[in-house]
Amino acid sequence: MGRIAIESPISILPSLLSFLIIHRNRNGWAGHGGAHFFGDRPSPGYNSFMTYLTTPFKRRWILSTLVVIIASLVMVRLGFWQLDRHAQRMAYIDAVIAEVGDAPFALTGGPEDDAYAERIYHQVEANGRFDFDHQVIIRNQFYNDALGYHLVTPFLIEGSDRAVLVDRGWVPPEAIQSPEDARKFDEPDLTHIMGRIMPEEKHRGELPSPDHPQLMWYRVNVVGIGAQMPYEVLPYAVALIPPEESQTQPPYRNPPKFKLDPGPHWGYAMQWFLFAAALPLFYAWQVVRVDRRENQEL
């Protein structure tokens, strides 16, 4: 990407202008026989065009001209940077679409399950049972614009000694006045789960000590929550998928939403390229205007 910016046409503009200026200083725009470089009599439009090319490179303007050229090149580089971000965003969207559409993984608790950590939003399923004694509560969660809590419960995978943290969904704030109130939403009969792998939510600041388990969290931090469990947990969490029928009882399944819009990067790139083209044009016009006015005053 960096080479594209360096090798863009605008990068050879100073060399081209230098050639024209040197040729003008040596020969005017005429050869030794009196013929002009581009014909016997240059048109007024041609003279005007060359004025805009050469005036910014006069001694008095050279420093500001170099600043404008550098600024334009930086803008071109920023434009290509935004194009690169746009390409990354489109690649991410394609990856999400592929993950959502693929067949679900069956979690077994084996080491192969760890490799699924990079497969965000991929659907997984597992058999086992919930360990409600080690459940945690996630604060400040929204469902249909209402603020409440999410219940994250370790799910002990059948046939293994490992668990996966499962976001069972949203509950209203008035239903939980203390961590113990979350037990009213236990689902002991749920022994088969279907969910999607959640994006990683990193903890800000120091993690609490495993010796003093924390029941209320602001994020589903797998490392921190997993450290206070009496067994090993998979390196990712799973959010249960909502049922096809309408939900009437909490916890309401509320998996994270994934955005598939391309974002503003393409538009930003076009703006940077436009600025890169407009800045030297406006600068040249302003320099010529000032130069002509001062010459007329002499």
Protein backbone atom coordinates (compact mmCIF):
# COMPACT_ATOMS: atom_id res chain seq x y z
CA MET A 1 0.00 0.00 0.00
CA GLY A 2 2.87 2.35 0.79
CA ARG A 3 4.43 1.75 -2.64
CA ILE A 4 1.18 2.65 -4.36
CA ALA A 5 1.23 6.06 -2.69
CA ILE A 6 4.90 6.67 -3.53
CA GLU A 7 4.56 5.60 -7.16
CA SER A 8 1.34 7.49 -7.80
CA PRO A 9 1.41 10.13 -10.59
CA ILE A 10 1.46 12.98 -8.10
CA SER A 11 4.84 11.79 -6.79
CA ILE A 12 6.57 12.61 -10.12
CA LEU A 13 5.00 16.07 -10.37
CA PRO A 14 7.97 17.93 -8.74
CA SER A 15 10.43 16.35 -11.21
CA LEU A 16 8.26 17.25 -14.18
CA LEU A 17 7.84 20.83 -13.01
CA SER A 18 11.58 21.13 -12.34
CA PHE A 19 12.31 20.05 -15.93
CA LEU A 20 9.92 22.64 -17.32
CA ILE A 21 11.33 25.40 -15.11
CA ILE A 22 14.95 24.60 -16.03
CA HIS A 23 14.08 24.56 -19.73
CA ARG A 24 12.32 27.90 -19.42
CA ASN A 25 15.24 29.50 -17.57
CA ARG A 26 17.72 28.35 -20.22
CA ASN A 27 15.80 29.05 -23.41
CA GLY A 28 12.70 31.02 -22.49
CA TRP A 29 10.19 28.91 -24.31
CA ALA A 30 12.03 29.58 -27.57
CA GLY A 31 14.84 27.75 -29.30
CA HIS A 32 18.00 29.33 -30.73
CA GLY A 33 16.28 30.10 -34.00
CA GLY A 34 13.51 32.11 -32.37
CA ALA A 35 10.82 29.41 -32.71
CA HIS A 36 8.81 28.76 -29.59
CA PHE A 37 9.02 25.37 -27.87
CA PHE A 38 5.44 24.48 -28.77
CA GLY A 39 5.14 26.45 -32.02
CA ASP A 40 5.72 29.86 -33.51
CA ARG A 41 3.26 31.67 -31.28
CA PRO A 42 2.02 30.27 -27.95
CA SER A 43 -1.65 30.74 -27.27
CA PRO A 44 -2.82 32.85 -24.31
CA GLY A 45 -4.27 29.72 -22.75
CA TYR A 46 -0.92 27.99 -22.93
CA ASN A 47 0.85 30.96 -21.32
CA SER A 48 -1.75 30.98 -18.55
CA PHE A 49 -1.31 27.25 -17.97
CA MET A 50 2.47 27.53 -17.74
CA THR A 51 2.11 30.47 -15.37
CA TYR A 52 0.20 28.28 -12.94
CA LEU A 53 2.88 25.59 -13.25
CA THR A 54 5.95 27.80 -12.83
CA THR A 55 4.93 30.62 -10.48
CA PRO A 56 4.67 28.42 -7.34
CA PHE A 57 8.32 27.41 -7.90
CA LYS A 58 9.72 30.92 -7.78
CA ARG A 59 12.22 31.45 -5.01
CA ARG A 60 9.79 33.32 -2.77
CA TRP A 61 7.18 30.55 -2.98
CA ILE A 62 9.36 27.44 -3.00
CA LEU A 63 9.06 26.65 0.73
CA SER A 64 5.27 26.89 0.84
CA THR A 65 5.06 24.98 -2.44
CA LEU A 66 7.04 22.10 -0.95
CA VAL A 67 4.70 22.10 2.05
CA VAL A 68 1.68 21.88 -0.26
CA ILE A 69 3.23 19.05 -2.26
CA ILE A 70 4.05 17.11 0.90
CA ALA A 71 0.55 17.72 2.26
CA SER A 72 -1.00 16.47 -0.98
CA LEU A 73 1.14 13.33 -0.92
CA VAL A 74 0.12 12.71 2.69
CA MET A 75 -3.53 13.05 1.67
CA VAL A 76 -3.01 10.55 -1.14
CA ARG A 77 -1.43 8.16 1.36
CA LEU A 78 -4.39 8.61 3.70
CA GLY A 79 -6.72 7.87 0.81
CA PHE A 80 -5.01 4.56 0.12
CA TRP A 81 -5.02 3.82 3.85
CA GLN A 82 -8.81 4.24 3.89
CA LEU A 83 -9.10 2.00 0.83
CA ASP A 84 -7.11 -0.62 2.71
CA ARG A 85 -9.45 -0.32 5.70
CA HIS A 86 -12.40 -0.67 3.34
CA ALA A 87 -10.89 -3.87 1.93
CA GLN A 88 -10.36 -5.20 5.46
CA ARG A 89 -13.96 -4.39 6.35
CA MET A 90 -15.28 -6.18 3.27
CA ALA A 91 -13.10 -9.20 4.06
CA TYR A 92 -14.52 -9.21 7.61
CA ILE A 93 -18.09 -9.08 6.27
CA ASP A 94 -17.39 -11.99 3.91
CA ALA A 95 -15.90 -13.97 6.80
CA VAL A 96 -18.93 -13.30 9.03
CA ILE A 97 -21.34 -14.34 6.28
CA ALA A 98 -19.37 -17.54 5.78
CA GLU A 99 -19.33 -18.31 9.52
CA VAL A 100 -23.04 -17.68 9.94
CA GLY A 101 -23.92 -19.91 7.02
CA ASP A 102 -21.66 -22.86 7.84
CA ALA A 103 -22.83 -26.01 9.61
CA PRO A 104 -22.53 -25.92 13.43
CA PHE A 105 -19.56 -27.33 15.29
CA ALA A 106 -20.22 -29.99 17.92
CA LEU A 107 -18.29 -29.16 21.10
CA THR A 108 -16.74 -32.19 22.77
CA GLY A 109 -14.48 -30.53 25.34
CA GLY A 110 -11.40 -31.80 23.55
CA PRO A 111 -8.38 -29.71 22.50
CA GLU A 112 -9.84 -29.30 19.01
CA ASP A 113 -12.52 -27.04 20.50
CA ASP A 114 -9.88 -24.40 21.29
CA ALA A 115 -9.30 -23.77 17.58
CA TYR A 116 -12.84 -22.43 17.23
CA ALA A 117 -11.92 -19.25 19.14
CA GLU A 118 -11.18 -17.48 15.85
CA ARG A 119 -14.49 -18.54 14.30
CA ILE A 120 -16.54 -15.66 15.69
CA TYR A 121 -20.33 -15.94 15.15
CA HIS A 122 -20.01 -19.56 14.04
CA GLN A 123 -22.80 -21.75 15.36
CA VAL A 124 -21.94 -24.46 17.89
CA GLU A 125 -23.87 -27.08 19.80
CA ALA A 126 -23.11 -29.19 22.83
CA ASN A 127 -24.64 -31.65 25.26
CA GLY A 128 -24.14 -31.39 29.01
CA ARG A 129 -25.51 -29.46 31.96
CA PHE A 130 -25.32 -25.97 33.44
CA ASP A 131 -23.42 -25.22 36.64
CA PHE A 132 -25.64 -22.52 38.15
CA ASP A 133 -23.55 -22.38 41.34
CA HIS A 134 -20.80 -20.58 39.41
CA GLN A 135 -23.01 -18.30 37.36
CA VAL A 136 -22.05 -14.62 36.90
CA ILE A 137 -24.10 -11.55 36.01
CA ILE A 138 -23.17 -9.02 33.33
CA ARG A 139 -24.26 -5.44 34.01
CA ASN A 140 -25.56 -2.74 31.65
CA GLN A 141 -26.97 -4.95 28.91
CA PHE A 142 -29.72 -3.83 26.54
CA TYR A 143 -32.64 -5.74 25.09
CA ASN A 144 -35.17 -3.86 22.95
CA ASP A 145 -33.71 -0.59 24.29
CA ALA A 146 -34.32 -1.67 27.91
CA LEU A 147 -31.40 -1.81 30.35
CA GLY A 148 -30.87 -4.98 32.35
CA TYR A 149 -28.51 -7.89 32.97
CA HIS A 150 -27.18 -10.90 31.10
CA LEU A 151 -26.72 -14.27 32.79
CA VAL A 152 -23.50 -16.09 31.91
CA THR A 153 -23.43 -19.67 33.12
CA PRO A 154 -20.72 -22.32 32.66
CA PHE A 155 -21.97 -25.32 30.70
CA LEU A 156 -20.21 -28.58 31.60
CA ILE A 157 -19.66 -30.43 28.34
CA GLU A 158 -20.76 -34.04 28.39
CA GLY A 159 -17.93 -36.58 28.35
CA SER A 160 -15.22 -34.10 29.38
CA ASP A 161 -13.95 -32.16 32.38
CA ARG A 162 -14.18 -28.80 30.61
CA ALA A 163 -16.90 -26.19 30.33
CA VAL A 164 -17.88 -23.35 28.02
CA LEU A 165 -19.25 -20.04 29.26
CA VAL A 166 -22.76 -19.54 27.92
CA ASP A 167 -24.64 -16.25 27.74
CA ARG A 168 -28.17 -17.43 28.45
CA GLY A 169 -29.75 -14.05 27.78
CA TRP A 170 -31.23 -10.88 29.24
CA VAL A 171 -33.26 -10.38 32.40
CA PRO A 172 -34.93 -7.14 33.60
CA PRO A 173 -33.13 -5.15 36.32
CA GLU A 174 -36.00 -5.29 38.81
CA ALA A 175 -35.78 -9.09 38.78
CA ILE A 176 -32.29 -9.12 40.29
CA GLN A 177 -31.70 -7.15 43.47
CA SER A 178 -28.84 -9.41 44.54
CA PRO A 179 -26.72 -12.08 42.80
CA GLU A 180 -28.76 -14.80 44.49
CA ASP A 181 -31.89 -13.60 42.66
CA ALA A 182 -30.45 -14.93 39.40
CA ARG A 183 -31.17 -18.48 40.57
CA LYS A 184 -34.88 -17.98 39.85
CA PHE A 185 -33.93 -18.12 36.15
CA ASP A 186 -32.19 -21.50 36.33
CA GLU A 187 -32.89 -23.86 33.43
CA PRO A 188 -31.87 -27.30 34.77
CA ASP A 189 -33.73 -29.15 32.02
CA LEU A 190 -31.70 -27.51 29.26
CA THR A 191 -29.10 -30.17 28.42
CA HIS A 192 -28.55 -29.39 24.73
CA ILE A 193 -27.48 -25.90 23.67
CA MET A 194 -27.27 -24.12 20.32
CA GLY A 195 -25.41 -20.83 20.17
CA ARG A 196 -22.87 -18.66 18.40
CA ILE A 197 -19.28 -17.95 19.38
CA MET A 198 -19.10 -14.44 20.82
CA PRO A 199 -16.46 -11.82 20.03
CA GLU A 200 -13.81 -11.44 22.71
CA GLU A 201 -14.50 -8.77 25.33
CA LYS A 202 -11.27 -7.71 27.00
CA HIS A 203 -11.18 -6.57 30.60
CA ARG A 204 -10.02 -3.05 31.41
CA GLY A 205 -7.76 -2.82 34.40
CA GLU A 206 -6.65 -5.60 36.71
CA LEU A 207 -8.53 -8.86 36.87
CA PRO A 208 -10.02 -9.82 40.24
CA SER A 209 -8.26 -12.49 42.26
CA PRO A 210 -9.59 -16.03 41.69
CA ASP A 211 -9.54 -16.39 45.49
CA HIS A 212 -12.35 -13.81 45.71
CA PRO A 213 -14.81 -14.70 42.95
CA GLN A 214 -16.59 -11.74 41.38
CA LEU A 215 -20.28 -12.32 40.65
CA MET A 216 -21.03 -9.03 38.86
CA TRP A 217 -19.11 -8.14 35.69
CA TYR A 218 -19.33 -5.45 33.03
CA ARG A 219 -18.06 -7.68 30.22
CA VAL A 220 -17.95 -11.34 29.33
CA ASN A 221 -14.24 -11.61 30.01
CA VAL A 222 -13.48 -15.27 29.45
CA VAL A 223 -10.02 -15.13 31.00
CA GLY A 224 -11.16 -13.41 34.18
CA ILE A 225 -14.38 -15.37 34.65
CA GLY A 226 -12.72 -18.65 33.72
CA ALA A 227 -9.95 -18.11 36.28
CA GLN A 228 -12.45 -18.29 39.14
CA MET A 229 -14.01 -21.55 37.95
CA PRO A 230 -13.06 -24.88 39.55
CA TYR A 231 -12.52 -26.41 36.10
CA GLU A 232 -11.04 -25.39 32.77
CA VAL A 233 -13.21 -23.38 30.38
CA LEU A 234 -12.91 -23.02 26.62
CA PRO A 235 -11.17 -19.81 25.45
CA TYR A 236 -14.41 -18.26 24.20
CA ALA A 237 -18.01 -17.77 25.23
CA VAL A 238 -21.19 -18.81 23.44
CA ALA A 239 -24.45 -16.86 23.21
CA LEU A 240 -27.62 -18.92 22.94
CA ILE A 241 -29.63 -18.44 19.74
CA PRO A 242 -33.20 -17.12 20.16
CA PRO A 243 -35.99 -19.58 19.38
CA GLU A 244 -38.04 -19.10 16.23
CA GLU A 245 -41.18 -18.43 18.26
CA SER A 246 -41.53 -15.23 20.30
CA GLN A 247 -39.91 -15.20 23.73
CA THR A 248 -42.30 -14.73 26.63
CA GLN A 249 -40.14 -15.48 29.69
CA PRO A 250 -36.66 -14.35 30.73
CA PRO A 251 -33.88 -14.96 30.22
CA TYR A 252 -34.48 -13.62 26.72
CA ARG A 253 -31.89 -14.91 24.28
CA ASN A 254 -29.98 -11.84 23.13
CA PRO A 255 -26.84 -12.73 21.15
CA PRO A 256 -24.55 -9.89 19.98
CA LYS A 257 -25.56 -8.25 16.73
CA PHE A 258 -23.09 -8.33 13.88
CA LYS A 259 -22.95 -5.38 11.49
CA LEU A 260 -22.63 -6.09 7.79
CA ASP A 261 -22.46 -2.52 6.49
CA PRO A 262 -19.23 -1.59 4.67
CA GLY A 263 -18.69 1.50 6.79
CA PRO A 264 -17.52 4.96 5.73
CA HIS A 265 -14.00 4.11 4.59
CA TRP A 266 -14.68 4.24 0.83
CA GLY A 267 -16.23 7.69 1.17
CA TYR A 268 -13.34 8.87 3.34
CA ALA A 269 -10.86 7.67 0.70
CA MET A 270 -12.62 9.64 -2.04
CA GLN A 271 -12.58 12.73 0.18
CA TRP A 272 -8.83 12.43 0.77
CA PHE A 273 -8.17 12.04 -2.96
CA LEU A 274 -10.37 15.06 -3.68
CA PHE A 275 -8.51 17.14 -1.10
CA ALA A 276 -5.17 15.98 -2.53
CA ALA A 277 -6.21 17.23 -5.98
CA ALA A 278 -7.92 20.44 -4.85
CA LEU A 279 -5.19 21.71 -2.51
CA PRO A 280 -2.42 22.25 -5.13
CA LEU A 281 -4.91 23.70 -7.62
CA PHE A 282 -6.24 26.21 -5.12
CA TYR A 283 -2.72 27.00 -3.94
CA ALA A 284 -1.44 27.62 -7.49
CA TRP A 285 -4.41 29.88 -8.22
CA GLN A 286 -3.80 31.87 -5.04
CA VAL A 287 -0.05 32.21 -5.69
CA VAL A 288 -0.56 33.42 -9.27
CA ARG A 289 -3.22 35.89 -8.17
CA VAL A 290 -0.93 37.40 -5.52
CA ASP A 291 2.07 37.41 -7.86
CA ARG A 292 0.16 39.21 -10.62
CA ARG A 293 -1.23 41.80 -8.25
CA GLU A 294 2.20 42.60 -6.86
CA ASN A 295 3.69 42.86 -10.37
CA GLN A 296 0.96 45.29 -11.37
CA GLU A 297 1.72 47.46 -8.36
CA LEU A 298 5.39 47.80 -9.35
